[in-house]
PDB file of N, CA and C in Angstrom:
ATOM      1  N   SER A   1      43.526 -11.314 -83.024  1.00  0.00           N
ATOM      2  CA  SER A   1      44.037 -11.001 -81.703  1.00  0.00           C
ATOM      3  C   SER A   1      45.333 -11.775 -81.476  1.00  0.00           C
ATOM      4  N   VAL A   2      46.169 -11.206 -80.629  1.00  0.00           N
ATOM      5  CA  VAL A   2      47.458 -11.819 -80.309  1.00  0.00           C
ATOM      6  C   VAL A   2      47.697 -11.692 -78.808  1.00  0.00           C
ATOM      7  N   THR A   3      48.690 -12.406 -78.323  1.00  0.00           N
ATOM      8  CA  THR A   3      49.109 -12.291 -76.932  1.00  0.00           C
ATOM      9  C   THR A   3      50.458 -11.602 -76.899  1.00  0.00           C
ATOM     10  N   LYS A   4      50.615 -10.666 -75.967  1.00  0.00           N
ATOM     11  CA  LYS A   4      51.864  -9.923 -75.828  1.00  0.00           C
ATOM     12  C   LYS A   4      52.403 -10.175 -74.427  1.00  0.00           C
ATOM     13  N   HIS A   5      53.678 -10.538 -74.354  1.00  0.00           N
ATOM     14  CA  HIS A   5      54.343 -10.755 -73.075  1.00  0.00           C
ATOM     15  C   HIS A   5      55.328  -9.613 -72.859  1.00  0.00           C
ATOM     16  N   ILE A   6      55.252  -9.003 -71.687  1.00  0.00           N
ATOM     17  CA  ILE A   6      56.117  -7.881 -71.342  1.00  0.00           C
ATOM     18  C   ILE A   6      56.816  -8.209 -70.029  1.00  0.00           C
ATOM     19  N   ARG A   7      58.105  -7.961 -69.957  1.00  0.00           N
ATOM     20  CA  ARG A   7      58.840  -8.150 -68.703  1.00  0.00           C
ATOM     21  C   ARG A   7      59.042  -6.777 -68.069  1.00  0.00           C
ATOM     22  N   HIS A   8      58.325  -6.542 -66.979  1.00  0.00           N
ATOM     23  CA  HIS A   8      58.434  -5.285 -66.238  1.00  0.00           C
ATOM     24  C   HIS A   8      59.621  -5.410 -65.283  1.00  0.00           C
ATOM     25  N   PRO A   9      60.446  -4.353 -65.148  1.00  0.00           N
ATOM     26  CA  PRO A   9      61.646  -4.483 -64.324  1.00  0.00           C
ATOM     27  C   PRO A   9      61.369  -4.789 -62.853  1.00  0.00           C
ATOM     28  N   ALA A  10      60.241  -4.359 -62.316  1.00  0.00           N
ATOM     29  CA  ALA A  10      59.943  -4.630 -60.907  1.00  0.00           C
ATOM     30  C   ALA A  10      58.851  -5.682 -60.735  1.00  0.00           C
ATOM     31  N   ALA A  11      57.862  -5.696 -61.612  1.00  0.00           N
ATOM     32  CA  ALA A  11      56.706  -6.583 -61.447  1.00  0.00           C
ATOM     33  C   ALA A  11      56.919  -7.948 -62.086  1.00  0.00           C
ATOM     34  N   GLY A  12      57.880  -8.062 -62.974  1.00  0.00           N
ATOM     35  CA  GLY A  12      58.127  -9.342 -63.620  1.00  0.00           C
ATOM     36  C   GLY A  12      57.337  -9.502 -64.907  1.00  0.00           C
ATOM     37  N   ASP A  13      56.992 -10.727 -65.235  1.00  0.00           N
ATOM     38  CA  ASP A  13      56.323 -11.031 -66.493  1.00  0.00           C
ATOM     39  C   ASP A  13      54.840 -10.676 -66.446  1.00  0.00           C
ATOM     40  N   LEU A  14      54.392  -9.963 -67.471  1.00  0.00           N
ATOM     41  CA  LEU A  14      52.987  -9.597 -67.635  1.00  0.00           C
ATOM     42  C   LEU A  14      52.522 -10.151 -68.974  1.00  0.00           C
ATOM     43  N   SER A  15      51.271 -10.567 -69.043  1.00  0.00           N
ATOM     44  CA  SER A  15      50.728 -11.150 -70.267  1.00  0.00           C
ATOM     45  C   SER A  15      49.410 -10.455 -70.611  1.00  0.00           C
ATOM     46  N   PHE A  16      49.313  -9.953 -71.834  1.00  0.00           N
ATOM     47  CA  PHE A  16      48.130  -9.227 -72.280  1.00  0.00           C
ATOM     48  C   PHE A  16      47.582  -9.839 -73.560  1.00  0.00           C
ATOM     49  N   ASP A  17      46.266  -9.820 -73.679  1.00  0.00           N
ATOM     50  CA  ASP A  17      45.616 -10.122 -74.953  1.00  0.00           C
ATOM     51  C   ASP A  17      45.480  -8.794 -75.676  1.00  0.00           C
ATOM     52  N   ILE A  18      45.759  -8.794 -76.972  1.00  0.00           N
ATOM     53  CA  ILE A  18      45.715  -7.556 -77.753  1.00  0.00           C
ATOM     54  C   ILE A  18      44.729  -7.709 -78.890  1.00  0.00           C
ATOM     55  N   GLU A  19      43.873  -6.714 -79.019  1.00  0.00           N
ATOM     56  CA  GLU A  19      42.967  -6.617 -80.159  1.00  0.00           C
ATOM     57  C   GLU A  19      43.338  -5.358 -80.921  1.00  0.00           C
ATOM     58  N   ILE A  20      43.439  -5.462 -82.231  1.00  0.00           N
ATOM     59  CA  ILE A  20      43.745  -4.308 -83.077  1.00  0.00           C
ATOM     60  C   ILE A  20      42.546  -4.069 -83.982  1.00  0.00           C
ATOM     61  N   VAL A  21      42.018  -2.855 -83.893  1.00  0.00           N
ATOM     62  CA  VAL A  21      40.844  -2.486 -84.678  1.00  0.00           C
ATOM     63  C   VAL A  21      41.257  -1.407 -85.669  1.00  0.00           C
ATOM     64  N   VAL A  22      40.892  -1.594 -86.933  1.00  0.00           N
ATOM     65  CA  VAL A  22      41.201  -0.623 -87.979  1.00  0.00           C
ATOM     66  C   VAL A  22      39.878  -0.097 -88.532  1.00  0.00           C
ATOM     67  N   ALA A  23      39.747   1.209 -88.583  1.00  0.00           N
ATOM     68  CA  ALA A  23      38.529   1.813 -89.135  1.00  0.00           C
ATOM     69  C   ALA A  23      38.475   1.544 -90.635  1.00  0.00           C
ATOM     70  N   PRO A  24      37.299   1.227 -91.176  1.00  0.00           N
ATOM     71  CA  PRO A  24      37.203   0.855 -92.590  1.00  0.00           C
ATOM     72  C   PRO A  24      37.643   1.961 -93.557  1.00  0.00           C
ATOM     73  N   HIS A  25      37.436   3.215 -93.193  1.00  0.00           N
ATOM     74  CA  HIS A  25      37.771   4.311 -94.100  1.00  0.00           C
ATOM     75  C   HIS A  25      39.012   5.080 -93.662  1.00  0.00           C
ATOM     76  N   GLU A  26      39.631   4.670 -92.591  1.00  0.00           N
ATOM     77  CA  GLU A  26      40.849   5.305 -92.077  1.00  0.00           C
ATOM     78  C   GLU A  26      41.869   4.222 -91.750  1.00  0.00           C
ATOM     79  N   THR A  27      42.342   3.537 -92.756  1.00  0.00           N
ATOM     80  CA  THR A  27      43.212   2.375 -92.530  1.00  0.00           C
ATOM     81  C   THR A  27      44.571   2.727 -91.933  1.00  0.00           C
ATOM     82  N   ASP A  28      44.916   4.019 -91.898  1.00  0.00           N
ATOM     83  CA  ASP A  28      46.187   4.401 -91.282  1.00  0.00           C
ATOM     84  C   ASP A  28      46.025   4.676 -89.779  1.00  0.00           C
ATOM     85  N   GLN A  29      44.815   4.533 -89.253  1.00  0.00           N
ATOM     86  CA  GLN A  29      44.571   4.716 -87.826  1.00  0.00           C
ATOM     87  C   GLN A  29      44.146   3.386 -87.212  1.00  0.00           C
ATOM     88  N   TRP A  30      44.813   3.030 -86.135  1.00  0.00           N
ATOM     89  CA  TRP A  30      44.532   1.775 -85.456  1.00  0.00           C
ATOM     90  C   TRP A  30      44.184   2.064 -84.003  1.00  0.00           C
ATOM     91  N   LEU A  31      43.307   1.260 -83.456  1.00  0.00           N
ATOM     92  CA  LEU A  31      43.024   1.273 -82.030  1.00  0.00           C
ATOM     93  C   LEU A  31      43.561  -0.045 -81.486  1.00  0.00           C
ATOM     94  N   VAL A  32      44.507   0.034 -80.563  1.00  0.00           N
ATOM     95  CA  VAL A  32      45.120  -1.156 -79.993  1.00  0.00           C
ATOM     96  C   VAL A  32      44.652  -1.256 -78.539  1.00  0.00           C
ATOM     97  N   VAL A  33      44.001  -2.363 -78.203  1.00  0.00           N
ATOM     98  CA  VAL A  33      43.423  -2.553 -76.872  1.00  0.00           C
ATOM     99  C   VAL A  33      44.144  -3.709 -76.187  1.00  0.00           C
ATOM    100  N   TYR A  34      44.749  -3.405 -75.034  1.00  0.00           N
ATOM    101  CA  TYR A  34      45.413  -4.421 -74.209  1.00  0.00           C
ATOM    102  C   TYR A  34      44.457  -4.810 -73.091  1.00  0.00           C
ATOM    103  N   THR A  35      44.227  -6.088 -72.889  1.00  0.00           N
ATOM    104  CA  THR A  35      43.408  -6.569 -71.777  1.00  0.00           C
ATOM    105  C   THR A  35      44.139  -7.704 -71.071  1.00  0.00           C
ATOM    106  N   ALA A  36      43.793  -7.889 -69.816  1.00  0.00           N
ATOM    107  CA  ALA A  36      44.346  -9.001 -69.039  1.00  0.00           C
ATOM    108  C   ALA A  36      43.200  -9.932 -68.667  1.00  0.00           C
ATOM    109  N   GLN A  37      43.467 -11.209 -68.671  1.00  0.00           N
ATOM    110  CA  GLN A  37      42.457 -12.184 -68.282  1.00  0.00           C
ATOM    111  C   GLN A  37      42.055 -11.938 -66.820  1.00  0.00           C
ATOM    112  N   PRO A  38      40.760 -11.995 -66.522  1.00  0.00           N
ATOM    113  CA  PRO A  38      40.327 -11.790 -65.132  1.00  0.00           C
ATOM    114  C   PRO A  38      41.020 -12.783 -64.192  1.00  0.00           C
ATOM    115  N   ASP A  39      41.403 -12.291 -63.050  1.00  0.00           N
ATOM    116  CA  ASP A  39      42.036 -13.082 -61.992  1.00  0.00           C
ATOM    117  C   ASP A  39      43.369 -13.716 -62.404  1.00  0.00           C
ATOM    118  N   SER A  40      43.974 -13.199 -63.468  1.00  0.00           N
ATOM    119  CA  SER A  40      45.303 -13.675 -63.864  1.00  0.00           C
ATOM    120  C   SER A  40      46.361 -12.952 -63.029  1.00  0.00           C
ATOM    121  N   PRO A  41      47.588 -13.456 -63.004  1.00  0.00           N
ATOM    122  CA  PRO A  41      48.653 -12.744 -62.292  1.00  0.00           C
ATOM    123  C   PRO A  41      48.809 -11.302 -62.793  1.00  0.00           C
ATOM    124  N   THR A  42      48.672 -11.090 -64.091  1.00  0.00           N
ATOM    125  CA  THR A  42      48.773  -9.737 -64.645  1.00  0.00           C
ATOM    126  C   THR A  42      47.647  -8.863 -64.122  1.00  0.00           C
ATOM    127  N   ALA A  43      46.420  -9.369 -64.116  1.00  0.00           N
ATOM    128  CA  ALA A  43      45.276  -8.584 -63.626  1.00  0.00           C
ATOM    129  C   ALA A  43      45.451  -8.225 -62.154  1.00  0.00           C
ATOM    130  N   ARG A  44      46.054  -9.112 -61.374  1.00  0.00           N
ATOM    131  CA  ARG A  44      46.270  -8.814 -59.963  1.00  0.00           C
ATOM    132  C   ARG A  44      47.387  -7.791 -59.766  1.00  0.00           C
ATOM    133  N   LEU A  45      48.364  -7.756 -60.667  1.00  0.00           N
ATOM    134  CA  LEU A  45      49.474  -6.812 -60.540  1.00  0.00           C
ATOM    135  C   LEU A  45      49.144  -5.405 -61.038  1.00  0.00           C
ATOM    136  N   LEU A  46      48.245  -5.278 -61.993  1.00  0.00           N
ATOM    137  CA  LEU A  46      47.970  -3.960 -62.582  1.00  0.00           C
ATOM    138  C   LEU A  46      47.524  -2.908 -61.564  1.00  0.00           C
ATOM    139  N   PRO A  47      46.617  -3.208 -60.631  1.00  0.00           N
ATOM    140  CA  PRO A  47      46.253  -2.181 -59.645  1.00  0.00           C
ATOM    141  C   PRO A  47      47.433  -1.762 -58.769  1.00  0.00           C
ATOM    142  N   ILE A  48      48.326  -2.706 -58.491  1.00  0.00           N
ATOM    143  CA  ILE A  48      49.507  -2.380 -57.690  1.00  0.00           C
ATOM    144  C   ILE A  48      50.407  -1.429 -58.474  1.00  0.00           C
ATOM    145  N   LEU A  49      50.647  -1.736 -59.735  1.00  0.00           N
ATOM    146  CA  LEU A  49      51.472  -0.854 -60.559  1.00  0.00           C
ATOM    147  C   LEU A  49      50.833   0.525 -60.703  1.00  0.00           C
ATOM    148  N   ALA A  50      49.520   0.567 -60.862  1.00  0.00           N
ATOM    149  CA  ALA A  50      48.819   1.845 -61.015  1.00  0.00           C
ATOM    150  C   ALA A  50      48.869   2.679 -59.740  1.00  0.00           C
ATOM    151  N   SER A  51      49.031   2.033 -58.600  1.00  0.00           N
ATOM    152  CA  SER A  51      49.023   2.765 -57.337  1.00  0.00           C
ATOM    153  C   SER A  51      50.372   3.381 -56.985  1.00  0.00           C
ATOM    154  N   TRP A  52      51.408   3.015 -57.709  1.00  0.00           N
ATOM    155  CA  TRP A  52      52.721   3.564 -57.389  1.00  0.00           C
ATOM    156  C   TRP A  52      52.694   5.066 -57.532  1.00  0.00           C
ATOM    157  N   ASP A  53      53.321   5.749 -56.618  1.00  0.00           N
ATOM    158  CA  ASP A  53      53.307   7.202 -56.536  1.00  0.00           C
ATOM    159  C   ASP A  53      54.057   7.838 -57.701  1.00  0.00           C
ATOM    160  N   VAL A  54      53.396   8.738 -58.404  1.00  0.00           N
ATOM    161  CA  VAL A  54      54.038   9.425 -59.525  1.00  0.00           C
ATOM    162  C   VAL A  54      55.024  10.470 -59.048  1.00  0.00           C
ATOM    163  N   ASP A  55      55.030  10.819 -57.756  1.00  0.00           N
ATOM    164  CA  ASP A  55      55.961  11.818 -57.240  1.00  0.00           C
ATOM    165  C   ASP A  55      57.401  11.331 -57.219  1.00  0.00           C
ATOM    166  N   THR A  56      57.639  10.068 -57.529  1.00  0.00           N
ATOM    167  CA  THR A  56      59.008   9.571 -57.577  1.00  0.00           C
ATOM    168  C   THR A  56      59.679   9.936 -58.895  1.00  0.00           C
ATOM    169  N   ALA A  57      58.919  10.538 -59.825  1.00  0.00           N
ATOM    170  CA  ALA A  57      59.489  10.955 -61.107  1.00  0.00           C
ATOM    171  C   ALA A  57      60.424  12.135 -60.886  1.00  0.00           C
ATOM    172  N   ALA A  58      61.324  12.338 -61.833  1.00  0.00           N
ATOM    173  CA  ALA A  58      62.233  13.474 -61.769  1.00  0.00           C
ATOM    174  C   ALA A  58      61.428  14.775 -61.727  1.00  0.00           C
ATOM    175  N   PRO A  59      61.913  15.807 -61.042  1.00  0.00           N
ATOM    176  CA  PRO A  59      61.157  17.056 -60.908  1.00  0.00           C
ATOM    177  C   PRO A  59      60.712  17.638 -62.249  1.00  0.00           C
ATOM    178  N   SER A  60      61.500  17.501 -63.287  1.00  0.00           N
ATOM    179  CA  SER A  60      61.132  18.092 -64.578  1.00  0.00           C
ATOM    180  C   SER A  60      59.970  17.365 -65.242  1.00  0.00           C
ATOM    181  N   THR A  61      59.658  16.139 -64.794  1.00  0.00           N
ATOM    182  CA  THR A  61      58.573  15.381 -65.414  1.00  0.00           C
ATOM    183  C   THR A  61      57.337  15.296 -64.531  1.00  0.00           C
ATOM    184  N   ARG A  62      57.374  15.902 -63.352  1.00  0.00           N
ATOM    185  CA  ARG A  62      56.225  15.853 -62.448  1.00  0.00           C
ATOM    186  C   ARG A  62      55.078  16.672 -62.994  1.00  0.00           C
ATOM    187  N   ARG A  63      53.881  16.138 -62.812  1.00  0.00           N
ATOM    188  CA  ARG A  63      52.676  16.873 -63.188  1.00  0.00           C
ATOM    189  C   ARG A  63      52.031  17.412 -61.922  1.00  0.00           C
ATOM    190  N   PRO A  64      51.471  18.620 -61.974  1.00  0.00           N
ATOM    191  CA  PRO A  64      50.808  19.139 -60.780  1.00  0.00           C
ATOM    192  C   PRO A  64      49.609  18.291 -60.404  1.00  0.00           C
ATOM    193  N   ARG A  65      49.393  18.115 -59.124  1.00  0.00           N
ATOM    194  CA  ARG A  65      48.237  17.366 -58.643  1.00  0.00           C
ATOM    195  C   ARG A  65      47.012  18.272 -58.644  1.00  0.00           C
ATOM    196  N   PRO A  66      45.854  17.728 -59.017  1.00  0.00           N
ATOM    197  CA  PRO A  66      44.632  18.545 -58.995  1.00  0.00           C
ATOM    198  C   PRO A  66      44.284  18.959 -57.569  1.00  0.00           C
ATOM    199  N   GLY A  67      43.685  20.148 -57.449  1.00  0.00           N
ATOM    200  CA  GLY A  67      43.190  20.582 -56.152  1.00  0.00           C
ATOM    201  C   GLY A  67      44.059  21.451 -55.439  1.00  0.00           C
TER     202      GLY A  67
END
C-alpha cells in the first residue's frame, strides 16, 4: 500500500491510502482502491465534492438526469 497526495484546484490537498490488488491469473488487470482515513480532512471534504452539481458541466458533457 502507498499514500497518494492530490492537490484539488478548489478543495486543496487531499490524501488517500491506496491498495493495489492483482489477480493471480490475470496479472495485466489491477484493482486500485483509494480510501481516506476516517475523520480526516480528506474524508470530510469528499461528501462536499460529491455534492457539487454536475449541471455546471458544458452542455455537450451533461448526462440526462433519471426520472
